[in-house]
Amino acid sequence: MARVTIEDDALADAERILEHLVAHGVADAGERVAAVISALDLLEQHPRIGRPAASGLHELVIGQGARGYLALYRYEAVDDVVVVLALRGQREDGYRRG
């Protein structure tokens, strides 16, 4: 079973997403962000499930439409570690990586 770690930038993305949802009056904003974070658990059992992304990275698609998000990650097979690098809404233009 792979170990999943979440980089500080990805945690900051989760905070940014939460603030955006709250600012737009989404009643279940906290639950939505918690569901996104919880979906990352899937990577423990299936670290290669994500679609290919730039530079050898992968994207995990979480939800759909207005509730759709993407998690950018890399899988380090030698150490059996998934490193979540960034999160964003599916409708956002790109990742805000520091």
PDB file of N, CA and C in Angstrom:
ATOM      1  N   MET A   1       0.852  -1.177   0.000  1.00  0.00           N
ATOM      2  CA  MET A   1       0.000   0.000   0.000  1.00  0.00           C
ATOM      3  C   MET A   1       0.897   1.240   0.000  1.00  0.00           C
ATOM      4  N   ALA A   2       0.633   2.143  -0.926  1.00  0.00           N
ATOM      5  CA  ALA A   2       1.434   3.366  -1.034  1.00  0.00           C
ATOM      6  C   ALA A   2       1.120   4.318   0.120  1.00  0.00           C
ATOM      7  N   ARG A   3       2.125   5.070   0.494  1.00  0.00           N
ATOM      8  CA  ARG A   3       1.949   6.124   1.491  1.00  0.00           C
ATOM      9  C   ARG A   3       1.634   7.402   0.722  1.00  0.00           C
ATOM     10  N   VAL A   4       0.614   8.131   1.147  1.00  0.00           N
ATOM     11  CA  VAL A   4       0.213   9.380   0.496  1.00  0.00           C
ATOM     12  C   VAL A   4       0.628  10.555   1.385  1.00  0.00           C
ATOM     13  N   THR A   5       1.364  11.494   0.797  1.00  0.00           N
ATOM     14  CA  THR A   5       1.718  12.723   1.499  1.00  0.00           C
ATOM     15  C   THR A   5       1.145  13.901   0.726  1.00  0.00           C
ATOM     16  N   ILE A   6       0.810  14.951   1.450  1.00  0.00           N
ATOM     17  CA  ILE A   6       0.229  16.140   0.831  1.00  0.00           C
ATOM     18  C   ILE A   6       1.167  17.316   1.094  1.00  0.00           C
ATOM     19  N   GLU A   7       1.682  17.891   0.020  1.00  0.00           N
ATOM     20  CA  GLU A   7       2.592  19.025   0.137  1.00  0.00           C
ATOM     21  C   GLU A   7       1.863  20.255   0.687  1.00  0.00           C
ATOM     22  N   ASP A   8       2.622  21.162   1.275  1.00  0.00           N
ATOM     23  CA  ASP A   8       2.053  22.399   1.822  1.00  0.00           C
ATOM     24  C   ASP A   8       1.297  23.200   0.760  1.00  0.00           C
ATOM     25  N   ASP A   9       1.808  23.228  -0.481  1.00  0.00           N
ATOM     26  CA  ASP A   9       1.118  23.954  -1.554  1.00  0.00           C
ATOM     27  C   ASP A   9      -0.276  23.378  -1.796  1.00  0.00           C
ATOM     28  N   ALA A  10      -0.412  22.066  -1.735  1.00  0.00           N
ATOM     29  CA  ALA A  10      -1.717  21.430  -1.940  1.00  0.00           C
ATOM     30  C   ALA A  10      -2.654  21.748  -0.777  1.00  0.00           C
ATOM     31  N   LEU A  11      -2.119  21.794   0.435  1.00  0.00           N
ATOM     32  CA  LEU A  11      -2.947  22.183   1.584  1.00  0.00           C
ATOM     33  C   LEU A  11      -3.400  23.633   1.453  1.00  0.00           C
ATOM     34  N   ALA A  12      -2.509  24.496   0.954  1.00  0.00           N
ATOM     35  CA  ALA A  12      -2.876  25.890   0.715  1.00  0.00           C
ATOM     36  C   ALA A  12      -3.952  25.978  -0.367  1.00  0.00           C
ATOM     37  N   ASP A  13      -3.874  25.105  -1.369  1.00  0.00           N
ATOM     38  CA  ASP A  13      -4.913  25.061  -2.402  1.00  0.00           C
ATOM     39  C   ASP A  13      -6.257  24.672  -1.803  1.00  0.00           C
ATOM     40  N   ALA A  14      -6.260  23.701  -0.889  1.00  0.00           N
ATOM     41  CA  ALA A  14      -7.504  23.284  -0.234  1.00  0.00           C
ATOM     42  C   ALA A  14      -8.104  24.454   0.537  1.00  0.00           C
ATOM     43  N   GLU A  15      -7.262  25.210   1.221  1.00  0.00           N
ATOM     44  CA  GLU A  15      -7.712  26.399   1.954  1.00  0.00           C
ATOM     45  C   GLU A  15      -8.298  27.436   0.987  1.00  0.00           C
ATOM     46  N   ARG A  16      -7.620  27.653  -0.134  1.00  0.00           N
ATOM     47  CA  ARG A  16      -8.085  28.609  -1.140  1.00  0.00           C
ATOM     48  C   ARG A  16      -9.437  28.184  -1.706  1.00  0.00           C
ATOM     49  N   ILE A  17      -9.589  26.893  -1.986  1.00  0.00           N
ATOM     50  CA  ILE A  17     -10.854  26.378  -2.498  1.00  0.00           C
ATOM     51  C   ILE A  17     -11.964  26.581  -1.470  1.00  0.00           C
ATOM     52  N   LEU A  18     -11.661  26.284  -0.210  1.00  0.00           N
ATOM     53  CA  LEU A  18     -12.641  26.476   0.863  1.00  0.00           C
ATOM     54  C   LEU A  18     -13.063  27.948   0.949  1.00  0.00           C
ATOM     55  N   GLU A  19     -12.100  28.853   0.927  1.00  0.00           N
ATOM     56  CA  GLU A  19     -12.421  30.282   0.996  1.00  0.00           C
ATOM     57  C   GLU A  19     -13.284  30.714  -0.179  1.00  0.00           C
ATOM     58  N   HIS A  20     -13.002  30.186  -1.358  1.00  0.00           N
ATOM     59  CA  HIS A  20     -13.796  30.510  -2.544  1.00  0.00           C
ATOM     60  C   HIS A  20     -15.242  30.029  -2.370  1.00  0.00           C
ATOM     61  N   LEU A  21     -15.406  28.808  -1.903  1.00  0.00           N
ATOM     62  CA  LEU A  21     -16.746  28.257  -1.715  1.00  0.00           C
ATOM     63  C   LEU A  21     -17.525  29.042  -0.669  1.00  0.00           C
ATOM     64  N   VAL A  22     -16.876  29.377   0.430  1.00  0.00           N
ATOM     65  CA  VAL A  22     -17.521  30.152   1.492  1.00  0.00           C
ATOM     66  C   VAL A  22     -17.919  31.527   0.968  1.00  0.00           C
ATOM     67  N   ALA A  23     -17.019  32.157   0.218  1.00  0.00           N
ATOM     68  CA  ALA A  23     -17.300  33.490  -0.335  1.00  0.00           C
ATOM     69  C   ALA A  23     -18.488  33.476  -1.283  1.00  0.00           C
ATOM     70  N   HIS A  24     -18.748  32.332  -1.897  1.00  0.00           N
ATOM     71  CA  HIS A  24     -19.880  32.214  -2.820  1.00  0.00           C
ATOM     72  C   HIS A  24     -21.108  31.575  -2.168  1.00  0.00           C
ATOM     73  N   GLY A  25     -21.090  31.506  -0.846  1.00  0.00           N
ATOM     74  CA  GLY A  25     -22.265  31.075  -0.101  1.00  0.00           C
ATOM     75  C   GLY A  25     -22.604  29.603  -0.199  1.00  0.00           C
ATOM     76  N   VAL A  26     -21.624  28.773  -0.474  1.00  0.00           N
ATOM     77  CA  VAL A  26     -21.874  27.331  -0.552  1.00  0.00           C
ATOM     78  C   VAL A  26     -22.034  26.797   0.864  1.00  0.00           C
ATOM     79  N   ALA A  27     -23.207  26.269   1.146  1.00  0.00           N
ATOM     80  CA  ALA A  27     -23.540  25.848   2.506  1.00  0.00           C
ATOM     81  C   ALA A  27     -22.679  24.682   3.003  1.00  0.00           C
ATOM     82  N   ASP A  28     -22.320  23.773   2.111  1.00  0.00           N
ATOM     83  CA  ASP A  28     -21.551  22.591   2.528  1.00  0.00           C
ATOM     84  C   ASP A  28     -20.084  22.692   2.105  1.00  0.00           C
ATOM     85  N   ALA A  29     -19.529  23.899   2.142  1.00  0.00           N
ATOM     86  CA  ALA A  29     -18.156  24.136   1.680  1.00  0.00           C
ATOM     87  C   ALA A  29     -17.143  23.236   2.390  1.00  0.00           C
ATOM     88  N   GLY A  30     -17.217  23.148   3.686  1.00  0.00           N
ATOM     89  CA  GLY A  30     -16.276  22.319   4.448  1.00  0.00           C
ATOM     90  C   GLY A  30     -16.373  20.851   4.081  1.00  0.00           C
ATOM     91  N   GLU A  31     -17.585  20.372   3.898  1.00  0.00           N
ATOM     92  CA  GLU A  31     -17.781  18.971   3.531  1.00  0.00           C
ATOM     93  C   GLU A  31     -17.232  18.695   2.139  1.00  0.00           C
ATOM     94  N   ARG A  32     -17.379  19.652   1.227  1.00  0.00           N
ATOM     95  CA  ARG A  32     -16.853  19.463  -0.127  1.00  0.00           C
ATOM     96  C   ARG A  32     -15.332  19.335  -0.110  1.00  0.00           C
ATOM     97  N   VAL A  33     -14.678  20.214   0.614  1.00  0.00           N
ATOM     98  CA  VAL A  33     -13.209  20.160   0.674  1.00  0.00           C
ATOM     99  C   VAL A  33     -12.770  18.884   1.391  1.00  0.00           C
ATOM    100  N   ALA A  34     -13.469  18.498   2.437  1.00  0.00           N
ATOM    101  CA  ALA A  34     -13.143  17.251   3.134  1.00  0.00           C
ATOM    102  C   ALA A  34     -13.291  16.055   2.198  1.00  0.00           C
ATOM    103  N   ALA A  35     -14.286  16.077   1.326  1.00  0.00           N
ATOM    104  CA  ALA A  35     -14.489  14.986   0.369  1.00  0.00           C
ATOM    105  C   ALA A  35     -13.341  14.926  -0.637  1.00  0.00           C
ATOM    106  N   VAL A  36     -12.838  16.081  -1.047  1.00  0.00           N
ATOM    107  CA  VAL A  36     -11.691  16.120  -1.963  1.00  0.00           C
ATOM    108  C   VAL A  36     -10.470  15.496  -1.294  1.00  0.00           C
ATOM    109  N   ILE A  37     -10.192  15.895  -0.075  1.00  0.00           N
ATOM    110  CA  ILE A  37      -9.044  15.350   0.659  1.00  0.00           C
ATOM    111  C   ILE A  37      -9.225  13.845   0.887  1.00  0.00           C
ATOM    112  N   SER A  38     -10.425  13.442   1.230  1.00  0.00           N
ATOM    113  CA  SER A  38     -10.708  12.026   1.469  1.00  0.00           C
ATOM    114  C   SER A  38     -10.515  11.192   0.197  1.00  0.00           C
ATOM    115  N   ALA A  39     -10.837  11.771  -0.950  1.00  0.00           N
ATOM    116  CA  ALA A  39     -10.682  11.051  -2.215  1.00  0.00           C
ATOM    117  C   ALA A  39      -9.228  10.688  -2.490  1.00  0.00           C
ATOM    118  N   LEU A  40      -8.304  11.419  -1.907  1.00  0.00           N
ATOM    119  CA  LEU A  40      -6.884  11.130  -2.091  1.00  0.00           C
ATOM    120  C   LEU A  40      -6.493   9.782  -1.493  1.00  0.00           C
ATOM    121  N   ASP A  41      -7.302   9.276  -0.573  1.00  0.00           N
ATOM    122  CA  ASP A  41      -7.041   7.961   0.023  1.00  0.00           C
ATOM    123  C   ASP A  41      -7.029   6.856  -1.034  1.00  0.00           C
ATOM    124  N   LEU A  42      -7.749   7.067  -2.120  1.00  0.00           N
ATOM    125  CA  LEU A  42      -7.782   6.090  -3.211  1.00  0.00           C
ATOM    126  C   LEU A  42      -6.380   5.813  -3.749  1.00  0.00           C
ATOM    127  N   LEU A  43      -5.520   6.814  -3.668  1.00  0.00           N
ATOM    128  CA  LEU A  43      -4.158   6.671  -4.185  1.00  0.00           C
ATOM    129  C   LEU A  43      -3.315   5.698  -3.371  1.00  0.00           C
ATOM    130  N   GLU A  44      -3.714   5.414  -2.135  1.00  0.00           N
ATOM    131  CA  GLU A  44      -2.986   4.414  -1.336  1.00  0.00           C
ATOM    132  C   GLU A  44      -3.024   3.047  -2.010  1.00  0.00           C
ATOM    133  N   GLN A  45      -4.190   2.665  -2.496  1.00  0.00           N
ATOM    134  CA  GLN A  45      -4.375   1.363  -3.131  1.00  0.00           C
ATOM    135  C   GLN A  45      -4.083   1.387  -4.634  1.00  0.00           C
ATOM    136  N   HIS A  46      -4.275   2.560  -5.253  1.00  0.00           N
ATOM    137  CA  HIS A  46      -4.163   2.663  -6.712  1.00  0.00           C
ATOM    138  C   HIS A  46      -3.351   3.892  -7.110  1.00  0.00           C
ATOM    139  N   PRO A  47      -2.064   3.894  -6.840  1.00  0.00           N
ATOM    140  CA  PRO A  47      -1.258   5.098  -7.079  1.00  0.00           C
ATOM    141  C   PRO A  47      -1.105   5.480  -8.552  1.00  0.00           C
ATOM    142  N   ARG A  48      -1.394   4.572  -9.446  1.00  0.00           N
ATOM    143  CA  ARG A  48      -1.242   4.862 -10.881  1.00  0.00           C
ATOM    144  C   ARG A  48      -2.585   5.135 -11.562  1.00  0.00           C
ATOM    145  N   ILE A  49      -3.623   5.358 -10.786  1.00  0.00           N
ATOM    146  CA  ILE A  49      -4.961   5.520 -11.344  1.00  0.00           C
ATOM    147  C   ILE A  49      -5.140   6.839 -12.104  1.00  0.00           C
ATOM    148  N   GLY A  50      -4.383   7.849 -11.767  1.00  0.00           N
ATOM    149  CA  GLY A  50      -4.550   9.159 -12.375  1.00  0.00           C
ATOM    150  C   GLY A  50      -4.145   9.195 -13.836  1.00  0.00           C
ATOM    151  N   ARG A  51      -4.711  10.162 -14.543  1.00  0.00           N
ATOM    152  CA  ARG A  51      -4.363  10.326 -15.957  1.00  0.00           C
ATOM    153  C   ARG A  51      -2.996  11.015 -16.062  1.00  0.00           C
ATOM    154  N   PRO A  52      -2.272  10.746 -17.142  1.00  0.00           N
ATOM    155  CA  PRO A  52      -0.959  11.379 -17.315  1.00  0.00           C
ATOM    156  C   PRO A  52      -1.086  12.904 -17.416  1.00  0.00           C
ATOM    157  N   ALA A  53      -0.123  13.588 -16.835  1.00  0.00           N
ATOM    158  CA  ALA A  53      -0.036  15.047 -16.898  1.00  0.00           C
ATOM    159  C   ALA A  53       1.392  15.408 -17.311  1.00  0.00           C
ATOM    160  N   ALA A  54       1.691  16.673 -17.366  1.00  0.00           N
ATOM    161  CA  ALA A  54       3.003  17.151 -17.799  1.00  0.00           C
ATOM    162  C   ALA A  54       4.120  16.652 -16.893  1.00  0.00           C
ATOM    163  N   SER A  55       5.289  16.525 -17.462  1.00  0.00           N
ATOM    164  CA  SER A  55       6.524  16.207 -16.719  1.00  0.00           C
ATOM    165  C   SER A  55       6.448  14.919 -15.911  1.00  0.00           C
ATOM    166  N   GLY A  56       5.744  13.925 -16.405  1.00  0.00           N
ATOM    167  CA  GLY A  56       5.673  12.642 -15.719  1.00  0.00           C
ATOM    168  C   GLY A  56       4.765  12.618 -14.507  1.00  0.00           C
ATOM    169  N   LEU A  57       3.996  13.671 -14.309  1.00  0.00           N
ATOM    170  CA  LEU A  57       3.058  13.733 -13.186  1.00  0.00           C
ATOM    171  C   LEU A  57       1.733  13.105 -13.595  1.00  0.00           C
ATOM    172  N   HIS A  58       0.827  13.002 -12.621  1.00  0.00           N
ATOM    173  CA  HIS A  58      -0.511  12.454 -12.871  1.00  0.00           C
ATOM    174  C   HIS A  58      -1.555  13.376 -12.260  1.00  0.00           C
ATOM    175  N   GLU A  59      -2.787  13.260 -12.778  1.00  0.00           N
ATOM    176  CA  GLU A  59      -3.922  13.991 -12.224  1.00  0.00           C
ATOM    177  C   GLU A  59      -5.008  13.009 -11.831  1.00  0.00           C
ATOM    178  N   LEU A  60      -5.494  13.151 -10.625  1.00  0.00           N
ATOM    179  CA  LEU A  60      -6.634  12.383 -10.169  1.00  0.00           C
ATOM    180  C   LEU A  60      -7.859  13.265 -10.328  1.00  0.00           C
ATOM    181  N   VAL A  61      -8.848  12.786 -11.060  1.00  0.00           N
ATOM    182  CA  VAL A  61     -10.106  13.514 -11.243  1.00  0.00           C
ATOM    183  C   VAL A  61     -11.016  13.154 -10.076  1.00  0.00           C
ATOM    184  N   ILE A  62     -11.529  14.186  -9.397  1.00  0.00           N
ATOM    185  CA  ILE A  62     -12.374  14.000  -8.222  1.00  0.00           C
ATOM    186  C   ILE A  62     -13.684  14.718  -8.478  1.00  0.00           C
ATOM    187  N   GLY A  63     -14.789  14.000  -8.534  1.00  0.00           N
ATOM    188  CA  GLY A  63     -16.097  14.617  -8.767  1.00  0.00           C
ATOM    189  C   GLY A  63     -16.256  15.076 -10.202  1.00  0.00           C
ATOM    190  N   GLN A  64     -17.259  15.948 -10.410  1.00  0.00           N
ATOM    191  CA  GLN A  64     -17.526  16.450 -11.748  1.00  0.00           C
ATOM    192  C   GLN A  64     -18.275  17.770 -11.690  1.00  0.00           C
ATOM    193  N   GLY A  65     -18.274  18.482 -12.793  1.00  0.00           N
ATOM    194  CA  GLY A  65     -18.998  19.749 -12.888  1.00  0.00           C
ATOM    195  C   GLY A  65     -18.547  20.745 -11.845  1.00  0.00           C
ATOM    196  N   ALA A  66     -19.523  21.436 -11.245  1.00  0.00           N
ATOM    197  CA  ALA A  66     -19.216  22.443 -10.230  1.00  0.00           C
ATOM    198  C   ALA A  66     -18.562  21.817  -9.001  1.00  0.00           C
ATOM    199  N   ARG A  67     -18.711  20.517  -8.834  1.00  0.00           N
ATOM    200  CA  ARG A  67     -18.093  19.803  -7.709  1.00  0.00           C
ATOM    201  C   ARG A  67     -16.870  19.008  -8.160  1.00  0.00           C
ATOM    202  N   GLY A  68     -16.310  19.381  -9.290  1.00  0.00           N
ATOM    203  CA  GLY A  68     -15.177  18.662  -9.845  1.00  0.00           C
ATOM    204  C   GLY A  68     -13.850  19.313  -9.487  1.00  0.00           C
ATOM    205  N   TYR A  69     -12.892  18.489  -9.115  1.00  0.00           N
ATOM    206  CA  TYR A  69     -11.571  18.960  -8.729  1.00  0.00           C
ATOM    207  C   TYR A  69     -10.514  18.038  -9.327  1.00  0.00           C
ATOM    208  N   LEU A  70      -9.283  18.529  -9.373  1.00  0.00           N
ATOM    209  CA  LEU A  70      -8.151  17.752  -9.847  1.00  0.00           C
ATOM    210  C   LEU A  70      -7.046  17.803  -8.804  1.00  0.00           C
ATOM    211  N   ALA A  71      -6.396  16.687  -8.618  1.00  0.00           N
ATOM    212  CA  ALA A  71      -5.228  16.616  -7.734  1.00  0.00           C
ATOM    213  C   ALA A  71      -4.023  16.257  -8.590  1.00  0.00           C
ATOM    214  N   LEU A  72      -3.026  17.100  -8.587  1.00  0.00           N
ATOM    215  CA  LEU A  72      -1.782  16.847  -9.310  1.00  0.00           C
ATOM    216  C   LEU A  72      -0.832  16.116  -8.361  1.00  0.00           C
ATOM    217  N   TYR A  73      -0.277  14.999  -8.820  1.00  0.00           N
ATOM    218  CA  TYR A  73       0.596  14.230  -7.943  1.00  0.00           C
ATOM    219  C   TYR A  73       1.681  13.498  -8.731  1.00  0.00           C
ATOM    220  N   ARG A  74       2.679  13.057  -7.983  1.00  0.00           N
ATOM    221  CA  ARG A  74       3.689  12.178  -8.562  1.00  0.00           C
ATOM    222  C   ARG A  74       3.739  10.906  -7.716  1.00  0.00           C
ATOM    223  N   TYR A  75       4.024   9.824  -8.395  1.00  0.00           N
ATOM    224  CA  TYR A  75       4.172   8.546  -7.705  1.00  0.00           C
ATOM    225  C   TYR A  75       5.628   8.134  -7.767  1.00  0.00           C
ATOM    226  N   GLU A  76       6.227   7.951  -6.610  1.00  0.00           N
ATOM    227  CA  GLU A  76       7.611   7.506  -6.495  1.00  0.00           C
ATOM    228  C   GLU A  76       7.590   6.011  -6.202  1.00  0.00           C
ATOM    229  N   ALA A  77       7.659   5.216  -7.281  1.00  0.00           N
ATOM    230  CA  ALA A  77       7.492   3.761  -7.172  1.00  0.00           C
ATOM    231  C   ALA A  77       8.556   3.111  -6.294  1.00  0.00           C
ATOM    232  N   VAL A  78       9.774   3.606  -6.360  1.00  0.00           N
ATOM    233  CA  VAL A  78      10.867   3.008  -5.579  1.00  0.00           C
ATOM    234  C   VAL A  78      10.541   3.033  -4.089  1.00  0.00           C
ATOM    235  N   ASP A  79       9.983   4.143  -3.627  1.00  0.00           N
ATOM    236  CA  ASP A  79       9.633   4.287  -2.211  1.00  0.00           C
ATOM    237  C   ASP A  79       8.159   3.995  -1.937  1.00  0.00           C
ATOM    238  N   ASP A  80       7.384   3.731  -2.987  1.00  0.00           N
ATOM    239  CA  ASP A  80       5.942   3.502  -2.897  1.00  0.00           C
ATOM    240  C   ASP A  80       5.260   4.664  -2.168  1.00  0.00           C
ATOM    241  N   VAL A  81       5.538   5.881  -2.660  1.00  0.00           N
ATOM    242  CA  VAL A  81       5.008   7.106  -2.061  1.00  0.00           C
ATOM    243  C   VAL A  81       4.307   7.931  -3.143  1.00  0.00           C
ATOM    244  N   VAL A  82       3.127   8.416  -2.812  1.00  0.00           N
ATOM    245  CA  VAL A  82       2.397   9.366  -3.648  1.00  0.00           C
ATOM    246  C   VAL A  82       2.549  10.732  -2.992  1.00  0.00           C
ATOM    247  N   VAL A  83       2.982  11.716  -3.774  1.00  0.00           N
ATOM    248  CA  VAL A  83       3.149  13.076  -3.269  1.00  0.00           C
ATOM    249  C   VAL A  83       2.136  13.960  -3.992  1.00  0.00           C
ATOM    250  N   VAL A  84       1.144  14.438  -3.256  1.00  0.00           N
ATOM    251  CA  VAL A  84       0.134  15.331  -3.827  1.00  0.00           C
ATOM    252  C   VAL A  84       0.733  16.734  -3.829  1.00  0.00           C
ATOM    253  N   LEU A  85       0.836  17.308  -5.021  1.00  0.00           N
ATOM    254  CA  LEU A  85       1.525  18.580  -5.206  1.00  0.00           C
ATOM    255  C   LEU A  85       0.590  19.777  -5.230  1.00  0.00           C
ATOM    256  N   ALA A  86      -0.605  19.594  -5.793  1.00  0.00           N
ATOM    257  CA  ALA A  86      -1.507  20.728  -5.962  1.00  0.00           C
ATOM    258  C   ALA A  86      -2.933  20.237  -6.151  1.00  0.00           C
ATOM    259  N   LEU A  87      -3.879  21.125  -5.849  1.00  0.00           N
ATOM    260  CA  LEU A  87      -5.304  20.875  -6.056  1.00  0.00           C
ATOM    261  C   LEU A  87      -5.891  22.067  -6.798  1.00  0.00           C
ATOM    262  N   ARG A  88      -6.918  21.801  -7.602  1.00  0.00           N
ATOM    263  CA  ARG A  88      -7.627  22.899  -8.257  1.00  0.00           C
ATOM    264  C   ARG A  88      -9.001  22.431  -8.689  1.00  0.00           C
ATOM    265  N   GLY A  89      -9.882  23.399  -8.921  1.00  0.00           N
ATOM    266  CA  GLY A  89     -11.172  23.096  -9.497  1.00  0.00           C
ATOM    267  C   GLY A  89     -10.999  22.733 -10.962  1.00  0.00           C
ATOM    268  N   GLN A  90     -11.854  21.872 -11.479  1.00  0.00           N
ATOM    269  CA  GLN A  90     -11.744  21.469 -12.878  1.00  0.00           C
ATOM    270  C   GLN A  90     -11.954  22.649 -13.826  1.00  0.00           C
ATOM    271  N   ARG A  91     -12.632  23.676 -13.369  1.00  0.00           N
ATOM    272  CA  ARG A  91     -12.898  24.829 -14.218  1.00  0.00           C
ATOM    273  C   ARG A  91     -11.815  25.898 -14.127  1.00  0.00           C
ATOM    274  N   GLU A  92     -10.842  25.700 -13.251  1.00  0.00           N
ATOM    275  CA  GLU A  92      -9.726  26.649 -13.143  1.00  0.00           C
ATOM    276  C   GLU A  92      -8.761  26.436 -14.302  1.00  0.00           C
ATOM    277  N   ASP A  93      -8.027  27.490 -14.669  1.00  0.00           N
ATOM    278  CA  ASP A  93      -7.102  27.419 -15.797  1.00  0.00           C
ATOM    279  C   ASP A  93      -5.852  26.603 -15.531  1.00  0.00           C
ATOM    280  N   GLY A  94      -5.356  26.626 -14.342  1.00  0.00           N
ATOM    281  CA  GLY A  94      -4.116  25.893 -14.071  1.00  0.00           C
ATOM    282  C   GLY A  94      -3.860  25.804 -12.580  1.00  0.00           C
ATOM    283  N   TYR A  95      -2.765  25.144 -12.263  1.00  0.00           N
ATOM    284  CA  TYR A  95      -2.384  24.984 -10.862  1.00  0.00           C
ATOM    285  C   TYR A  95      -1.619  26.207 -10.399  1.00  0.00           C
ATOM    286  N   ARG A  96      -1.760  26.563  -9.137  1.00  0.00           N
ATOM    287  CA  ARG A  96      -1.059  27.687  -8.542  1.00  0.00           C
ATOM    288  C   ARG A  96       0.075  27.160  -7.679  1.00  0.00           C
ATOM    289  N   ARG A  97       1.063  26.594  -8.314  1.00  0.00           N
ATOM    290  CA  ARG A  97       2.192  25.992  -7.585  1.00  0.00           C
ATOM    291  C   ARG A  97       3.234  27.059  -7.303  1.00  0.00           C
ATOM    292  N   GLY A  98       3.693  27.072  -6.030  1.00  0.00           N
ATOM    293  CA  GLY A  98       4.681  28.049  -5.586  1.00  0.00           C
ATOM    294  C   GLY A  98       5.997  27.780  -6.144  1.00  0.00           C
TER     295      GLY A  98
END
